[in-house]
């Protein structure tokens, strides 16, 4: 079981919309916003398939968190901005 902050509760396998998890804990496809920069992340199914290498690997001294905006990695930018704004996330895309 992976644990992380989810607005006061423990993160388990299914991340719902608005869930904040560490970048390296992304386990399902979807659209996410980077909490450190406000950039949009589109994670396709291939990006989280078992036995596949991650498409992106970010290494740093501080933990990097993302917030899930949608289960659909390819939602429109306008809709992603609206969801991020409703979640009070800083938008930079």
PDB file of N, CA and C in Angstrom:
ATOM      1  N   UNK A   1       0.845  -1.180   0.000  1.00  0.00           N
ATOM      2  CA  UNK A   1       0.000   0.000   0.000  1.00  0.00           C
ATOM      3  C   UNK A   1       0.885   1.236   0.000  1.00  0.00           C
ATOM      4  N   UNK A   2       0.565   2.183  -0.846  1.00  0.00           N
ATOM      5  CA  UNK A   2       1.264   3.452  -0.906  1.00  0.00           C
ATOM      6  C   UNK A   2       0.489   4.464  -0.070  1.00  0.00           C
ATOM      7  N   UNK A   3       1.208   5.265   0.721  1.00  0.00           N
ATOM      8  CA  UNK A   3       0.517   6.277   1.509  1.00  0.00           C
ATOM      9  C   UNK A   3       1.049   7.652   1.160  1.00  0.00           C
ATOM     10  N   UNK A   4       0.189   8.632   1.216  1.00  0.00           N
ATOM     11  CA  UNK A   4       0.557  10.027   0.970  1.00  0.00           C
ATOM     12  C   UNK A   4      -0.573  10.898   1.477  1.00  0.00           C
ATOM     13  N   UNK A   5      -0.401  12.183   1.375  1.00  0.00           N
ATOM     14  CA  UNK A   5      -1.422  13.102   1.848  1.00  0.00           C
ATOM     15  C   UNK A   5      -2.548  13.223   0.847  1.00  0.00           C
ATOM     16  N   UNK A   6      -3.756  13.097   1.323  1.00  0.00           N
ATOM     17  CA  UNK A   6      -4.936  13.314   0.493  1.00  0.00           C
ATOM     18  C   UNK A   6      -5.870  14.205   1.275  1.00  0.00           C
ATOM     19  N   UNK A   7      -5.504  15.450   1.397  1.00  0.00           N
ATOM     20  CA  UNK A   7      -6.313  16.391   2.144  1.00  0.00           C
ATOM     21  C   UNK A   7      -6.747  15.803   3.478  1.00  0.00           C
ATOM     22  N   UNK A   8      -5.765  15.196   4.213  1.00  0.00           N
ATOM     23  CA  UNK A   8      -6.030  14.714   5.558  1.00  0.00           C
ATOM     24  C   UNK A   8      -6.301  13.228   5.673  1.00  0.00           C
ATOM     25  N   UNK A   9      -6.355  12.469   4.565  1.00  0.00           N
ATOM     26  CA  UNK A   9      -6.592  11.036   4.648  1.00  0.00           C
ATOM     27  C   UNK A   9      -5.501  10.290   3.910  1.00  0.00           C
ATOM     28  N   UNK A  10      -5.486   8.961   4.049  1.00  0.00           N
ATOM     29  CA  UNK A  10      -4.440   8.143   3.417  1.00  0.00           C
ATOM     30  C   UNK A  10      -4.797   7.838   1.976  1.00  0.00           C
ATOM     31  N   UNK A  11      -3.807   7.894   1.080  1.00  0.00           N
ATOM     32  CA  UNK A  11      -3.991   7.558  -0.329  1.00  0.00           C
ATOM     33  C   UNK A  11      -3.822   6.063  -0.481  1.00  0.00           C
ATOM     34  N   UNK A  12      -4.774   5.418  -1.120  1.00  0.00           N
ATOM     35  CA  UNK A  12      -4.628   4.011  -1.428  1.00  0.00           C
ATOM     36  C   UNK A  12      -4.554   3.861  -2.932  1.00  0.00           C
ATOM     37  N   UNK A  13      -4.946   2.751  -3.501  1.00  0.00           N
ATOM     38  CA  UNK A  13      -4.683   2.499  -4.912  1.00  0.00           C
ATOM     39  C   UNK A  13      -5.455   3.406  -5.868  1.00  0.00           C
ATOM     40  N   UNK A  14      -6.720   3.683  -5.660  1.00  0.00           N
ATOM     41  CA  UNK A  14      -7.495   4.505  -6.581  1.00  0.00           C
ATOM     42  C   UNK A  14      -7.492   5.964  -6.149  1.00  0.00           C
ATOM     43  N   UNK A  15      -6.925   6.819  -6.971  1.00  0.00           N
ATOM     44  CA  UNK A  15      -6.910   8.253  -6.678  1.00  0.00           C
ATOM     45  C   UNK A  15      -8.149   8.878  -7.305  1.00  0.00           C
ATOM     46  N   UNK A  16      -8.956   9.533  -6.489  1.00  0.00           N
ATOM     47  CA  UNK A  16     -10.136  10.205  -7.022  1.00  0.00           C
ATOM     48  C   UNK A  16      -9.766  11.634  -7.413  1.00  0.00           C
ATOM     49  N   UNK A  17     -10.657  12.299  -8.126  1.00  0.00           N
ATOM     50  CA  UNK A  17     -10.422  13.670  -8.563  1.00  0.00           C
ATOM     51  C   UNK A  17     -10.188  14.542  -7.330  1.00  0.00           C
ATOM     52  N   UNK A  18      -9.147  15.355  -7.367  1.00  0.00           N
ATOM     53  CA  UNK A  18      -8.808  16.231  -6.251  1.00  0.00           C
ATOM     54  C   UNK A  18      -7.836  15.615  -5.265  1.00  0.00           C
ATOM     55  N   UNK A  19      -7.467  14.357  -5.468  1.00  0.00           N
ATOM     56  CA  UNK A  19      -6.522  13.683  -4.585  1.00  0.00           C
ATOM     57  C   UNK A  19      -5.109  14.171  -4.871  1.00  0.00           C
ATOM     58  N   UNK A  20      -4.357  14.484  -3.816  1.00  0.00           N
ATOM     59  CA  UNK A  20      -2.965  14.903  -3.953  1.00  0.00           C
ATOM     60  C   UNK A  20      -2.066  13.736  -3.552  1.00  0.00           C
ATOM     61  N   UNK A  21      -1.139  13.378  -4.457  1.00  0.00           N
ATOM     62  CA  UNK A  21      -0.232  12.250  -4.223  1.00  0.00           C
ATOM     63  C   UNK A  21       1.178  12.643  -4.654  1.00  0.00           C
ATOM     64  N   UNK A  22       2.204  11.951  -4.142  1.00  0.00           N
ATOM     65  CA  UNK A  22       3.560  12.194  -4.647  1.00  0.00           C
ATOM     66  C   UNK A  22       3.646  11.789  -6.123  1.00  0.00           C
ATOM     67  N   UNK A  23       4.439  12.510  -6.869  1.00  0.00           N
ATOM     68  CA  UNK A  23       4.603  12.249  -8.298  1.00  0.00           C
ATOM     69  C   UNK A  23       4.929  10.779  -8.560  1.00  0.00           C
ATOM     70  N   UNK A  24       5.839  10.204  -7.781  1.00  0.00           N
ATOM     71  CA  UNK A  24       6.268   8.828  -8.007  1.00  0.00           C
ATOM     72  C   UNK A  24       5.201   7.803  -7.616  1.00  0.00           C
ATOM     73  N   UNK A  25       4.109   8.244  -7.011  1.00  0.00           N
ATOM     74  CA  UNK A  25       3.031   7.329  -6.622  1.00  0.00           C
ATOM     75  C   UNK A  25       1.890   7.289  -7.630  1.00  0.00           C
ATOM     76  N   UNK A  26       2.021   7.980  -8.744  1.00  0.00           N
ATOM     77  CA  UNK A  26       0.978   7.935  -9.771  1.00  0.00           C
ATOM     78  C   UNK A  26       0.896   6.499 -10.278  1.00  0.00           C
ATOM     79  N   UNK A  27      -0.284   5.893 -10.118  1.00  0.00           N
ATOM     80  CA  UNK A  27      -0.457   4.498 -10.515  1.00  0.00           C
ATOM     81  C   UNK A  27      -1.563   4.295 -11.536  1.00  0.00           C
ATOM     82  N   UNK A  28      -2.220   5.356 -11.953  1.00  0.00           N
ATOM     83  CA  UNK A  28      -3.298   5.207 -12.927  1.00  0.00           C
ATOM     84  C   UNK A  28      -3.278   6.362 -13.907  1.00  0.00           C
ATOM     85  N   UNK A  29      -3.765   6.103 -15.133  1.00  0.00           N
ATOM     86  CA  UNK A  29      -3.782   7.165 -16.128  1.00  0.00           C
ATOM     87  C   UNK A  29      -4.718   8.287 -15.713  1.00  0.00           C
ATOM     88  N   UNK A  30      -4.451   9.455 -16.237  1.00  0.00           N
ATOM     89  CA  UNK A  30      -5.309  10.592 -15.946  1.00  0.00           C
ATOM     90  C   UNK A  30      -4.600  11.897 -16.226  1.00  0.00           C
ATOM     91  N   UNK A  31      -5.265  12.960 -15.860  1.00  0.00           N
ATOM     92  CA  UNK A  31      -4.738  14.304 -16.017  1.00  0.00           C
ATOM     93  C   UNK A  31      -4.442  14.840 -14.619  1.00  0.00           C
ATOM     94  N   UNK A  32      -3.240  15.312 -14.397  1.00  0.00           N
ATOM     95  CA  UNK A  32      -2.788  15.782 -13.091  1.00  0.00           C
ATOM     96  C   UNK A  32      -2.209  17.185 -13.221  1.00  0.00           C
ATOM     97  N   UNK A  33      -2.186  17.925 -12.124  1.00  0.00           N
ATOM     98  CA  UNK A  33      -1.532  19.228 -12.095  1.00  0.00           C
ATOM     99  C   UNK A  33      -0.362  19.148 -11.123  1.00  0.00           C
ATOM    100  N   UNK A  34       0.782  19.699 -11.525  1.00  0.00           N
ATOM    101  CA  UNK A  34       1.969  19.725 -10.669  1.00  0.00           C
ATOM    102  C   UNK A  34       1.759  20.787  -9.594  1.00  0.00           C
ATOM    103  N   UNK A  35       1.770  20.402  -8.342  1.00  0.00           N
ATOM    104  CA  UNK A  35       1.559  21.360  -7.264  1.00  0.00           C
ATOM    105  C   UNK A  35       2.737  22.319  -7.110  1.00  0.00           C
ATOM    106  N   UNK A  36       3.916  21.959  -7.582  1.00  0.00           N
ATOM    107  CA  UNK A  36       5.092  22.805  -7.437  1.00  0.00           C
ATOM    108  C   UNK A  36       5.203  23.847  -8.539  1.00  0.00           C
ATOM    109  N   UNK A  37       4.524  23.633  -9.676  1.00  0.00           N
ATOM    110  CA  UNK A  37       4.697  24.574 -10.788  1.00  0.00           C
ATOM    111  C   UNK A  37       3.392  24.997 -11.456  1.00  0.00           C
ATOM    112  N   UNK A  38       2.323  24.225 -11.263  1.00  0.00           N
ATOM    113  CA  UNK A  38       1.071  24.525 -11.938  1.00  0.00           C
ATOM    114  C   UNK A  38       0.984  23.975 -13.347  1.00  0.00           C
ATOM    115  N   UNK A  39       1.973  23.188 -13.778  1.00  0.00           N
ATOM    116  CA  UNK A  39       1.966  22.602 -15.115  1.00  0.00           C
ATOM    117  C   UNK A  39       1.015  21.411 -15.166  1.00  0.00           C
ATOM    118  N   UNK A  40       0.491  21.141 -16.348  1.00  0.00           N
ATOM    119  CA  UNK A  40      -0.435  20.035 -16.573  1.00  0.00           C
ATOM    120  C   UNK A  40       0.344  18.783 -16.951  1.00  0.00           C
ATOM    121  N   UNK A  41      -0.007  17.641 -16.350  1.00  0.00           N
ATOM    122  CA  UNK A  41       0.589  16.345 -16.691  1.00  0.00           C
ATOM    123  C   UNK A  41      -0.491  15.464 -17.289  1.00  0.00           C
ATOM    124  N   UNK A  42      -0.231  14.931 -18.452  1.00  0.00           N
ATOM    125  CA  UNK A  42      -1.147  13.976 -19.062  1.00  0.00           C
ATOM    126  C   UNK A  42      -0.459  12.615 -18.985  1.00  0.00           C
ATOM    127  N   UNK A  43      -1.039  11.714 -18.200  1.00  0.00           N
ATOM    128  CA  UNK A  43      -0.445  10.392 -17.987  1.00  0.00           C
ATOM    129  C   UNK A  43      -1.297   9.372 -18.744  1.00  0.00           C
ATOM    130  N   UNK A  44      -0.803   8.879 -19.893  1.00  0.00           N
ATOM    131  CA  UNK A  44      -1.563   7.891 -20.656  1.00  0.00           C
ATOM    132  C   UNK A  44      -1.464   6.508 -19.999  1.00  0.00           C
ATOM    133  N   UNK A  45      -2.284   5.596 -20.465  1.00  0.00           N
ATOM    134  CA  UNK A  45      -2.298   4.244 -19.901  1.00  0.00           C
ATOM    135  C   UNK A  45      -0.922   3.584 -19.998  1.00  0.00           C
ATOM    136  N   UNK A  46      -0.196   3.804 -21.092  1.00  0.00           N
ATOM    137  CA  UNK A  46       1.153   3.244 -21.237  1.00  0.00           C
ATOM    138  C   UNK A  46       2.113   3.767 -20.176  1.00  0.00           C
ATOM    139  N   UNK A  47       1.837   4.943 -19.642  1.00  0.00           N
ATOM    140  CA  UNK A  47       2.726   5.541 -18.652  1.00  0.00           C
ATOM    141  C   UNK A  47       2.684   4.867 -17.295  1.00  0.00           C
ATOM    142  N   UNK A  48       1.660   4.036 -17.060  1.00  0.00           N
ATOM    143  CA  UNK A  48       1.530   3.389 -15.756  1.00  0.00           C
ATOM    144  C   UNK A  48       1.308   1.878 -15.874  1.00  0.00           C
ATOM    145  N   UNK A  49       1.473   1.321 -17.067  1.00  0.00           N
ATOM    146  CA  UNK A  49       1.260  -0.110 -17.275  1.00  0.00           C
ATOM    147  C   UNK A  49       2.306  -0.926 -16.516  1.00  0.00           C
ATOM    148  N   UNK A  50       1.883  -2.024 -15.859  1.00  0.00           N
ATOM    149  CA  UNK A  50       2.830  -2.882 -15.134  1.00  0.00           C
ATOM    150  C   UNK A  50       3.916  -3.408 -16.068  1.00  0.00           C
ATOM    151  N   UNK A  51       5.137  -3.436 -15.589  1.00  0.00           N
ATOM    152  CA  UNK A  51       6.256  -3.943 -16.369  1.00  0.00           C
ATOM    153  C   UNK A  51       6.843  -2.965 -17.354  1.00  0.00           C
ATOM    154  N   UNK A  52       6.271  -1.768 -17.454  1.00  0.00           N
ATOM    155  CA  UNK A  52       6.785  -0.753 -18.363  1.00  0.00           C
ATOM    156  C   UNK A  52       7.672   0.214 -17.599  1.00  0.00           C
ATOM    157  N   UNK A  53       8.647   0.744 -18.255  1.00  0.00           N
ATOM    158  CA  UNK A  53       9.476   1.782 -17.656  1.00  0.00           C
ATOM    159  C   UNK A  53       8.664   3.067 -17.601  1.00  0.00           C
ATOM    160  N   UNK A  54       8.862   3.883 -16.557  1.00  0.00           N
ATOM    161  CA  UNK A  54       8.118   5.149 -16.526  1.00  0.00           C
ATOM    162  C   UNK A  54       8.547   6.049 -17.680  1.00  0.00           C
ATOM    163  N   UNK A  55       7.581   6.780 -18.242  1.00  0.00           N
ATOM    164  CA  UNK A  55       7.885   7.681 -19.344  1.00  0.00           C
ATOM    165  C   UNK A  55       8.649   8.903 -18.856  1.00  0.00           C
ATOM    166  N   UNK A  56       8.429   9.282 -17.588  1.00  0.00           N
ATOM    167  CA  UNK A  56       9.091  10.444 -17.005  1.00  0.00           C
ATOM    168  C   UNK A  56       9.571  10.069 -15.611  1.00  0.00           C
ATOM    169  N   UNK A  57      10.775  10.476 -15.280  1.00  0.00           N
ATOM    170  CA  UNK A  57      11.329  10.248 -13.952  1.00  0.00           C
ATOM    171  C   UNK A  57      11.918  11.567 -13.481  1.00  0.00           C
ATOM    172  N   UNK A  58      11.358  12.143 -12.419  1.00  0.00           N
ATOM    173  CA  UNK A  58      11.838  13.417 -11.887  1.00  0.00           C
ATOM    174  C   UNK A  58      12.490  13.142 -10.542  1.00  0.00           C
ATOM    175  N   UNK A  59      13.714  13.609 -10.384  1.00  0.00           N
ATOM    176  CA  UNK A  59      14.465  13.390  -9.148  1.00  0.00           C
ATOM    177  C   UNK A  59      14.823  14.740  -8.553  1.00  0.00           C
ATOM    178  N   UNK A  60      14.597  14.891  -7.258  1.00  0.00           N
ATOM    179  CA  UNK A  60      14.920  16.139  -6.588  1.00  0.00           C
ATOM    180  C   UNK A  60      15.096  15.915  -5.095  1.00  0.00           C
ATOM    181  N   UNK A  61      15.501  16.954  -4.390  1.00  0.00           N
ATOM    182  CA  UNK A  61      15.714  16.840  -2.951  1.00  0.00           C
ATOM    183  C   UNK A  61      14.430  17.004  -2.154  1.00  0.00           C
ATOM    184  N   UNK A  62      13.402  17.592  -2.759  1.00  0.00           N
ATOM    185  CA  UNK A  62      12.121  17.776  -2.081  1.00  0.00           C
ATOM    186  C   UNK A  62      11.063  16.898  -2.735  1.00  0.00           C
ATOM    187  N   UNK A  63      10.082  16.428  -1.967  1.00  0.00           N
ATOM    188  CA  UNK A  63       9.020  15.633  -2.582  1.00  0.00           C
ATOM    189  C   UNK A  63       8.171  16.487  -3.514  1.00  0.00           C
ATOM    190  N   UNK A  64       7.783  15.914  -4.647  1.00  0.00           N
ATOM    191  CA  UNK A  64       6.967  16.610  -5.632  1.00  0.00           C
ATOM    192  C   UNK A  64       5.577  15.992  -5.625  1.00  0.00           C
ATOM    193  N   UNK A  65       4.548  16.812  -5.416  1.00  0.00           N
ATOM    194  CA  UNK A  65       3.181  16.326  -5.351  1.00  0.00           C
ATOM    195  C   UNK A  65       2.391  16.781  -6.569  1.00  0.00           C
ATOM    196  N   UNK A  66       1.426  15.949  -6.958  1.00  0.00           N
ATOM    197  CA  UNK A  66       0.514  16.260  -8.042  1.00  0.00           C
ATOM    198  C   UNK A  66      -0.910  16.060  -7.535  1.00  0.00           C
ATOM    199  N   UNK A  67      -1.856  16.763  -8.152  1.00  0.00           N
ATOM    200  CA  UNK A  67      -3.263  16.621  -7.814  1.00  0.00           C
ATOM    201  C   UNK A  67      -3.999  16.118  -9.048  1.00  0.00           C
ATOM    202  N   UNK A  68      -4.795  15.065  -8.876  1.00  0.00           N
ATOM    203  CA  UNK A  68      -5.517  14.482 -10.001  1.00  0.00           C
ATOM    204  C   UNK A  68      -6.697  15.371 -10.385  1.00  0.00           C
ATOM    205  N   UNK A  69      -6.774  15.704 -11.674  1.00  0.00           N
ATOM    206  CA  UNK A  69      -7.850  16.533 -12.195  1.00  0.00           C
ATOM    207  C   UNK A  69      -8.913  15.716 -12.915  1.00  0.00           C
ATOM    208  N   UNK A  70      -8.512  14.618 -13.550  1.00  0.00           N
ATOM    209  CA  UNK A  70      -9.443  13.828 -14.345  1.00  0.00           C
ATOM    210  C   UNK A  70      -8.893  12.429 -14.562  1.00  0.00           C
ATOM    211  N   UNK A  71      -9.789  11.471 -14.770  1.00  0.00           N
ATOM    212  CA  UNK A  71      -9.364  10.127 -15.148  1.00  0.00           C
ATOM    213  C   UNK A  71      -8.966  10.076 -16.613  1.00  0.00           C
ATOM    214  N   UNK A  72      -9.417  11.040 -17.393  1.00  0.00           N
ATOM    215  CA  UNK A  72      -9.108  11.141 -18.814  1.00  0.00           C
ATOM    216  C   UNK A  72      -7.848  11.972 -18.998  1.00  0.00           C
ATOM    217  N   UNK A  73      -6.751  11.367 -19.464  1.00  0.00           N
ATOM    218  CA  UNK A  73      -5.526  12.145 -19.641  1.00  0.00           C
ATOM    219  C   UNK A  73      -5.623  13.213 -20.726  1.00  0.00           C
ATOM    220  N   UNK A  74      -6.630  13.124 -21.579  1.00  0.00           N
ATOM    221  CA  UNK A  74      -6.719  14.023 -22.721  1.00  0.00           C
ATOM    222  C   UNK A  74      -7.924  14.970 -22.652  1.00  0.00           C
ATOM    223  N   UNK A  75      -8.354  15.347 -21.434  1.00  0.00           N
ATOM    224  CA  UNK A  75      -9.432  16.329 -21.320  1.00  0.00           C
ATOM    225  C   UNK A  75      -8.943  17.644 -21.913  1.00  0.00           C
ATOM    226  N   UNK A  76      -9.860  18.503 -22.273  1.00  0.00           N
ATOM    227  CA  UNK A  76      -9.458  19.777 -22.871  1.00  0.00           C
ATOM    228  C   UNK A  76      -8.743  20.640 -21.833  1.00  0.00           C
ATOM    229  N   UNK A  77      -7.887  21.501 -22.313  1.00  0.00           N
ATOM    230  CA  UNK A  77      -7.155  22.408 -21.433  1.00  0.00           C
ATOM    231  C   UNK A  77      -8.118  23.306 -20.672  1.00  0.00           C
ATOM    232  N   UNK A  78      -9.160  23.771 -21.352  1.00  0.00           N
ATOM    233  CA  UNK A  78     -10.137  24.648 -20.706  1.00  0.00           C
ATOM    234  C   UNK A  78     -10.803  23.954 -19.527  1.00  0.00           C
ATOM    235  N   UNK A  79     -11.220  22.696 -19.723  1.00  0.00           N
ATOM    236  CA  UNK A  79     -11.860  21.948 -18.643  1.00  0.00           C
ATOM    237  C   UNK A  79     -10.858  21.669 -17.519  1.00  0.00           C
ATOM    238  N   UNK A  80      -9.613  21.328 -17.855  1.00  0.00           N
ATOM    239  CA  UNK A  80      -8.584  21.083 -16.842  1.00  0.00           C
ATOM    240  C   UNK A  80      -8.338  22.342 -16.009  1.00  0.00           C
ATOM    241  N   UNK A  81      -8.308  23.508 -16.659  1.00  0.00           N
ATOM    242  CA  UNK A  81      -8.125  24.774 -15.928  1.00  0.00           C
ATOM    243  C   UNK A  81      -9.287  25.024 -14.972  1.00  0.00           C
ATOM    244  N   UNK A  82     -10.503  24.739 -15.428  1.00  0.00           N
ATOM    245  CA  UNK A  82     -11.681  24.940 -14.589  1.00  0.00           C
ATOM    246  C   UNK A  82     -11.647  24.030 -13.357  1.00  0.00           C
ATOM    247  N   UNK A  83     -11.313  22.764 -13.544  1.00  0.00           N
ATOM    248  CA  UNK A  83     -11.239  21.824 -12.424  1.00  0.00           C
ATOM    249  C   UNK A  83     -10.136  22.243 -11.462  1.00  0.00           C
ATOM    250  N   UNK A  84      -8.962  22.605 -11.990  1.00  0.00           N
ATOM    251  CA  UNK A  84      -7.849  23.029 -11.146  1.00  0.00           C
ATOM    252  C   UNK A  84      -8.220  24.268 -10.335  1.00  0.00           C
ATOM    253  N   UNK A  85      -8.886  25.208 -10.969  1.00  0.00           N
ATOM    254  CA  UNK A  85      -9.311  26.421 -10.262  1.00  0.00           C
ATOM    255  C   UNK A  85     -10.306  26.089  -9.154  1.00  0.00           C
ATOM    256  N   UNK A  86     -11.231  25.169  -9.426  1.00  0.00           N
ATOM    257  CA  UNK A  86     -12.203  24.760  -8.403  1.00  0.00           C
ATOM    258  C   UNK A  86     -11.527  24.074  -7.225  1.00  0.00           C
ATOM    259  N   UNK A  87     -10.364  23.463  -7.461  1.00  0.00           N
ATOM    260  CA  UNK A  87      -9.601  22.797  -6.398  1.00  0.00           C
ATOM    261  C   UNK A  87      -8.586  23.746  -5.738  1.00  0.00           C
ATOM    262  N   UNK A  88      -8.604  25.015  -6.131  1.00  0.00           N
ATOM    263  CA  UNK A  88      -7.670  26.025  -5.625  1.00  0.00           C
ATOM    264  C   UNK A  88      -6.214  25.684  -5.913  1.00  0.00           C
ATOM    265  N   UNK A  89      -5.967  25.081  -7.077  1.00  0.00           N
ATOM    266  CA  UNK A  89      -4.602  24.779  -7.504  1.00  0.00           C
ATOM    267  C   UNK A  89      -4.091  25.928  -8.367  1.00  0.00           C
ATOM    268  N   UNK A  90      -2.828  26.226  -8.233  1.00  0.00           N
ATOM    269  CA  UNK A  90      -2.196  27.258  -9.045  1.00  0.00           C
ATOM    270  C   UNK A  90      -2.050  26.729 -10.475  1.00  0.00           C
ATOM    271  N   UNK A  91      -2.609  27.450 -11.445  1.00  0.00           N
ATOM    272  CA  UNK A  91      -2.603  27.007 -12.843  1.00  0.00           C
ATOM    273  C   UNK A  91      -1.521  27.757 -13.623  1.00  0.00           C
ATOM    274  N   UNK A  92      -0.709  26.990 -14.375  1.00  0.00           N
ATOM    275  CA  UNK A  92       0.357  27.575 -15.180  1.00  0.00           C
ATOM    276  C   UNK A  92       0.413  26.861 -16.533  1.00  0.00           C
ATOM    277  N   UNK A  93      -0.742  26.695 -17.152  1.00  0.00           N
ATOM    278  CA  UNK A  93      -0.802  26.068 -18.478  1.00  0.00           C
ATOM    279  C   UNK A  93      -1.913  26.690 -19.289  1.00  0.00           C
TER     280      UNK A  93
END
